[in-house]
Protein backbone atom coordinates (compact mmCIF):
# COMPACT_ATOMS: atom_id res chain seq x y z
CA MET A 1 72.50 57.30 7.87
CA THR A 2 68.89 56.95 9.39
CA LEU A 3 66.31 54.99 7.76
CA PRO A 4 64.15 57.84 6.53
CA GLU A 5 67.39 59.36 4.99
CA TYR A 6 68.27 56.19 3.42
CA LEU A 7 64.67 55.66 1.96
CA ALA A 8 64.95 59.33 0.44
CA HIS A 9 68.55 58.72 -1.01
CA GLN A 10 67.61 55.22 -2.59
CA GLN A 11 63.99 56.69 -3.94
CA LYS A 12 65.93 59.53 -5.63
CA ARG A 13 68.37 57.19 -7.10
CA VAL A 14 65.41 55.12 -8.53
CA ASP A 15 63.52 58.23 -9.79
CA THR A 16 66.71 59.61 -11.47
CA ALA A 17 67.08 56.23 -13.23
CA LEU A 18 63.55 56.03 -14.20
CA ASP A 19 63.68 59.64 -15.65
CA ARG A 20 66.35 58.39 -17.67
CA TRP A 21 64.42 55.49 -19.11
CA VAL A 22 61.16 56.94 -19.80
CA PRO A 23 60.86 59.33 -22.82
CA ALA A 24 60.26 62.97 -21.83
CA GLU A 25 56.89 64.44 -22.12
CA SER A 26 57.79 66.41 -25.14
CA GLN A 27 58.90 63.33 -27.08
CA ASP A 28 56.34 62.38 -29.84
CA PRO A 29 53.80 60.98 -29.28
CA SER A 30 53.72 63.17 -26.21
CA ILE A 31 50.37 62.03 -24.99
CA ILE A 32 51.47 58.39 -24.29
CA HIS A 33 54.61 59.78 -22.43
CA ARG A 34 52.49 62.17 -20.62
CA ALA A 35 50.34 59.39 -19.39
CA MET A 36 53.26 56.92 -18.50
CA ARG A 37 55.01 59.75 -16.47
CA TYR A 38 51.86 60.94 -14.80
CA SER A 39 51.45 57.53 -13.14
CA LEU A 40 55.00 56.68 -12.65
CA PHE A 41 56.03 59.95 -11.00
CA ALA A 42 52.79 60.15 -8.76
CA GLY A 43 54.68 59.72 -5.62
CA GLY A 44 54.97 56.07 -5.03
CA LYS A 45 57.12 54.48 -2.20
CA ARG A 46 59.40 52.39 -4.68
CA ILE A 47 59.27 49.42 -2.34
CA ARG A 48 60.14 46.91 -5.14
CA PRO A 49 63.23 48.59 -6.22
CA LEU A 50 64.18 49.40 -2.78
CA LEU A 51 64.21 45.77 -1.95
CA ALA A 52 66.03 44.84 -5.07
CA MET A 53 68.71 47.35 -4.17
CA ALA A 54 68.90 46.42 -0.61
CA ALA A 55 69.21 42.64 -1.66
CA ALA A 56 72.05 43.57 -4.04
CA ASP A 57 74.00 45.52 -1.08
CA ALA A 58 73.53 42.39 1.06
CA VAL A 59 75.42 40.28 -1.49
CA SER A 60 77.96 42.61 -2.86
CA ASP A 61 79.87 45.63 -1.51
CA ASP A 62 79.51 47.65 -4.65
CA PRO A 63 76.55 46.67 -6.92
CA GLU A 64 77.17 49.50 -9.21
CA GLY A 65 74.18 50.43 -11.51
CA VAL A 66 71.68 48.08 -9.71
CA GLU A 67 69.10 50.91 -9.62
CA ASN A 68 68.89 50.61 -13.51
CA ALA A 69 67.74 46.85 -13.16
CA ALA A 70 65.53 48.06 -10.17
CA CYS A 71 63.64 50.43 -12.32
CA ALA A 72 62.14 47.58 -14.29
CA LEU A 73 60.35 46.44 -11.15
CA GLU A 74 58.60 49.85 -10.85
CA LEU A 75 57.78 50.03 -14.44
CA ILE A 76 56.09 46.60 -14.38
CA HIS A 77 54.34 47.65 -10.73
CA THR A 78 53.16 50.87 -12.30
CA TYR A 79 51.66 49.30 -15.40
CA SER A 80 49.67 46.62 -13.21
CA LEU A 81 48.15 49.70 -11.16
CA ILE A 82 47.10 51.40 -14.14
CA HIS A 83 45.39 48.40 -15.83
CA ASP A 84 43.84 47.31 -12.44
CA ASP A 85 42.22 50.79 -11.94
CA LEU A 86 40.36 50.46 -15.31
CA PRO A 87 36.66 50.22 -15.44
CA ALA A 88 36.88 46.77 -16.65
CA LEU A 89 38.97 45.58 -13.63
CA ASP A 90 38.65 47.34 -10.17
CA ASN A 91 37.10 50.48 -11.70
CA ASP A 92 38.79 52.90 -9.30
CA ASP A 93 39.16 56.88 -9.64
CA LEU A 94 41.89 57.39 -7.09
CA ARG A 95 45.57 56.29 -6.97
CA ARG A 96 48.32 57.53 -4.97
CA GLY A 97 46.23 60.61 -3.90
CA ARG A 98 45.10 61.76 -7.33
CA PRO A 99 42.86 60.70 -10.14
CA THR A 100 43.70 57.47 -11.73
CA CYS A 101 45.43 57.35 -15.33
CA HIS A 102 42.36 56.60 -17.32
CA LYS A 103 40.29 59.29 -15.37
CA VAL A 104 42.85 61.99 -16.91
CA PHE A 105 43.80 60.43 -20.26
CA GLY A 106 40.92 58.06 -21.03
CA ASP A 107 40.60 54.46 -20.96
CA ALA A 108 42.34 53.83 -24.28
CA MET A 109 45.42 55.98 -23.47
CA ALA A 110 45.68 54.19 -20.04
CA ILE A 111 45.67 50.91 -21.62
CA LEU A 112 48.56 51.88 -24.02
CA ALA A 113 50.44 53.72 -21.15
CA GLY A 114 50.37 50.46 -19.21
CA ASP A 115 51.45 48.44 -22.30
CA ALA A 116 54.32 50.86 -22.97
CA LEU A 117 55.58 50.66 -19.33
CA LEU A 118 55.52 46.88 -19.47
CA THR A 119 57.50 46.87 -22.74
CA LEU A 120 59.87 49.43 -21.38
CA ALA A 121 60.82 47.33 -18.28
CA PHE A 122 62.05 44.47 -20.65
CA GLU A 123 63.94 47.00 -22.91
CA ALA A 124 65.56 48.29 -19.88
CA LEU A 125 66.93 45.02 -18.68
CA SER A 126 68.06 43.97 -22.11
CA LYS A 127 70.18 47.33 -22.25
CA LEU A 128 71.81 47.28 -18.72
CA PRO A 129 75.19 48.69 -19.14
CA ASP A 130 78.20 46.83 -17.71
CA VAL A 131 76.15 43.49 -17.25
CA ASP A 132 76.98 40.45 -18.94
CA ALA A 133 74.39 38.65 -21.22
CA GLU A 134 73.92 35.59 -18.81
CA ARG A 135 72.89 37.89 -16.11
CA ARG A 136 70.69 40.06 -18.20
CA ILE A 137 68.87 37.07 -19.49
CA ARG A 138 68.38 35.74 -15.81
CA LEU A 139 66.68 39.01 -14.95
CA VAL A 140 64.61 39.14 -17.94
CA ALA A 141 63.50 35.59 -17.10
CA GLU A 142 62.95 36.35 -13.37
CA LEU A 143 60.76 39.38 -14.02
CA ALA A 144 58.89 37.87 -16.97
CA THR A 145 57.91 34.73 -14.79
CA ALA A 146 56.97 36.82 -11.73
CA SER A 147 54.63 38.93 -13.96
CA GLY A 148 52.99 36.13 -15.81
CA THR A 149 50.18 33.62 -15.78
CA ILE A 150 51.61 30.56 -13.87
CA GLY A 151 52.34 31.51 -10.20
CA GLY A 152 52.81 35.08 -11.31
CA MET A 153 50.96 38.40 -11.11
CA ILE A 154 48.72 38.14 -13.93
CA GLY A 155 47.70 34.62 -12.78
CA GLY A 156 46.93 36.08 -9.44
CA GLN A 157 44.91 38.84 -10.81
CA VAL A 158 42.86 36.19 -12.73
CA ASN A 159 42.34 34.29 -9.63
CA ASP A 160 41.37 37.47 -7.66
CA LEU A 161 38.68 38.33 -10.33
CA GLU A 162 37.19 34.88 -10.61
CA GLY A 163 37.14 34.69 -6.81
CA GLU A 164 34.85 37.68 -6.42
CA GLY A 165 31.63 36.60 -4.67
CA LYS A 166 32.92 33.17 -4.04
CA GLU A 167 33.16 31.73 -0.38
CA PRO A 168 36.37 32.97 1.13
CA THR A 169 38.75 30.21 1.85
CA ALA A 170 42.35 30.01 3.05
CA GLU A 171 43.37 27.97 -0.10
CA LEU A 172 41.72 30.50 -2.56
CA LEU A 173 43.27 33.38 -0.67
CA GLU A 174 46.87 31.88 -0.71
CA SER A 175 46.56 31.10 -4.62
CA ILE A 176 45.56 34.73 -5.17
CA HIS A 177 48.04 36.54 -3.10
CA ARG A 178 51.17 34.47 -3.36
CA ALA A 179 50.91 35.16 -7.01
CA LYS A 180 49.19 38.67 -7.57
CA THR A 181 51.30 40.45 -4.98
CA GLY A 182 54.21 38.01 -3.61
CA ALA A 183 55.64 37.03 -7.01
CA LEU A 184 56.70 40.64 -7.78
CA LEU A 185 57.99 41.12 -4.28
CA ARG A 186 59.90 38.01 -4.13
CA ALA A 187 61.32 38.77 -7.73
CA SER A 188 62.29 42.10 -6.57
CA VAL A 189 64.73 40.51 -3.99
CA ARG A 190 65.93 37.68 -6.33
CA MET A 191 66.66 40.28 -9.01
CA GLY A 192 68.75 42.40 -6.66
CA ALA A 193 70.62 39.21 -5.51
CA ILE A 194 71.17 37.99 -9.17
CA TYR A 195 72.55 41.35 -10.46
CA ALA A 196 75.04 41.41 -7.57
CA GLY A 197 76.04 37.78 -8.47
CA ALA A 198 74.60 35.92 -5.39
CA GLU A 199 75.69 32.42 -4.75
CA GLU A 200 72.92 29.69 -4.57
CA THR A 201 72.92 29.52 -0.91
CA GLN A 202 72.53 33.37 -0.67
CA LEU A 203 69.71 33.37 -3.38
CA ALA A 204 67.95 30.69 -1.65
CA ALA A 205 67.99 32.65 1.72
CA LEU A 206 66.86 35.76 -0.06
CA THR A 207 64.09 34.01 -1.91
CA CYS A 208 62.90 32.79 1.37
CA PHE A 209 62.92 36.31 2.82
CA GLY A 210 61.07 37.37 -0.42
CA GLU A 211 58.24 34.85 0.06
CA HIS A 212 57.68 36.04 3.81
CA ILE A 213 57.69 39.82 3.27
CA GLY A 214 55.56 39.28 0.01
CA LEU A 215 52.83 37.61 2.11
CA ALA A 216 53.24 40.09 4.84
CA PHE A 217 52.66 42.91 2.45
CA GLN A 218 49.47 41.52 1.30
CA ILE A 219 48.24 40.93 4.77
CA VAL A 220 48.82 44.54 5.69
CA ASP A 221 47.35 45.99 2.50
CA ASP A 222 44.17 43.99 3.31
CA VAL A 223 44.14 45.19 6.71
CA LEU A 224 44.55 48.84 6.00
CA ASP A 225 41.83 48.63 3.30
CA VAL A 226 39.57 47.89 6.40
CA GLU A 227 40.90 50.30 8.80
CA GLN A 228 42.36 53.42 6.98
CA SER A 229 40.58 56.26 4.95
CA SER A 230 40.91 56.89 1.21
CA GLU A 231 42.79 60.13 2.19
CA ALA A 232 45.30 58.18 4.23
CA LEU A 233 45.70 55.36 1.71
CA GLY A 234 45.81 57.67 -1.45
CA LYS A 235 43.38 55.02 -2.97
CA THR A 236 39.66 54.20 -2.37
CA ALA A 237 39.43 52.46 0.93
CA GLY A 238 36.93 49.76 1.58
CA LYS A 239 37.08 48.71 -1.94
CA ASP A 240 37.83 44.98 -1.25
CA ALA A 241 34.47 44.45 0.82
CA GLN A 242 32.62 46.42 -1.87
CA GLN A 243 33.76 44.07 -4.54
CA ASN A 244 33.51 41.04 -2.38
CA LYS A 245 37.14 40.32 -2.67
CA ILE A 246 38.80 37.34 -0.91
CA THR A 247 41.04 38.92 1.72
CA PHE A 248 42.92 38.04 4.75
CA PRO A 249 40.50 39.62 7.10
CA ALA A 250 37.61 38.15 5.27
CA VAL A 251 39.17 34.68 6.07
CA TYR A 252 40.83 35.17 9.20
CA GLY A 253 39.42 38.36 10.88
CA LEU A 254 41.43 41.58 11.57
CA GLU A 255 43.08 40.52 14.85
CA ARG A 256 44.48 37.26 13.41
CA SER A 257 45.56 38.95 10.14
CA ARG A 258 47.71 41.28 12.12
CA ALA A 259 49.26 38.42 13.98
CA MET A 260 49.84 36.60 10.78
CA ALA A 261 51.69 39.61 9.34
CA GLU A 262 53.87 39.81 12.49
CA GLN A 263 54.79 36.06 12.06
CA GLU A 264 55.77 36.57 8.47
CA ARG A 265 57.92 39.57 9.52
CA LEU A 266 59.69 37.42 12.03
CA ALA A 267 60.28 34.63 9.67
CA ALA A 268 61.65 37.06 7.18
CA HIS A 269 64.37 38.25 9.89
CA THR A 270 65.12 34.51 10.55
CA ALA A 271 65.58 33.97 6.70
CA LEU A 272 68.50 36.13 6.61
CA ARG A 273 70.40 35.37 9.84
CA ALA A 274 73.48 34.22 7.78
CA PHE A 275 74.06 37.78 6.37
CA GLY A 276 74.58 39.35 9.71
CA ASN A 277 74.79 43.16 9.35
CA ARG A 278 74.83 43.08 5.67
CA ALA A 279 71.07 42.32 5.62
CA GLU A 280 70.29 45.39 8.08
CA ARG A 281 68.51 47.37 5.36
CA LEU A 282 66.41 44.46 4.12
CA LEU A 283 65.23 43.77 7.64
CA GLU A 284 64.39 47.53 8.17
CA LEU A 285 62.35 47.32 5.03
CA ALA A 286 60.53 44.19 6.32
CA ASP A 287 59.71 46.01 9.38
CA LEU A 288 58.50 49.01 7.49
CA ILE A 289 56.23 46.81 5.39
CA VAL A 290 54.54 45.42 8.25
CA GLN A 291 54.24 48.55 10.47
CA ARG A 292 53.05 50.99 7.87
CA LYS A 293 49.90 52.81 8.02
CA ALA A 294 49.27 53.58 4.34
């Protein structure tokens, strides 16, 4: 199976599982379910669930049902995007190539749609079929920590907001992005491994991989915000500079930022040497993250 075929197949698995978890648009109160689905099925790449599923495959020959756990990552990610786009935060009108949730449903319903997706993520993990209670608890704890305030996504978002207009430094940049973006990407790989019953040495190697690709993802994201158009990105380009965000190009410049992303990609490959061919899809995803143009 070629990489494009693999991606399409895995994305379909994720979307099918998401469709099962999220109430239908006709389910009362219908407006909140329409808002949730509007953002969730807007055409995202599903990078986080794909990483979780590939990590599970690296550990186990048949991690049946892993897409159900992987869905929780996409639910959290989409909630964060809805809230990020709100006027009180990044104030953006475009996401995944179409108007943001609050532009279509209003600020209040967008806030509630994000809240609902966040809540549903943990409901999904708590109800995973054919998964023992200990693993379910570990998965819940992993996602909650990665999404939280201490070294997690929300903590990184706070540092990002408070860093606007400040002198861009390498230390502040790392404190923002290892938490804001990196934590959930690292958790994606770890959750797939936990679901599949990884041994500690396997989990440590996959954690290292996740840390490198998490940083690489944000570096490339920052570079693309400078280089690409809004049409190519599906979101407003140049927003980081407009808001005086602390980014990798602001600290290191574009050329060095690209070199740093490549260093992280190579380090991610090195982290998975012990897995041999079992890590093939994870390595392809790492390459895709660094080489993408949108």
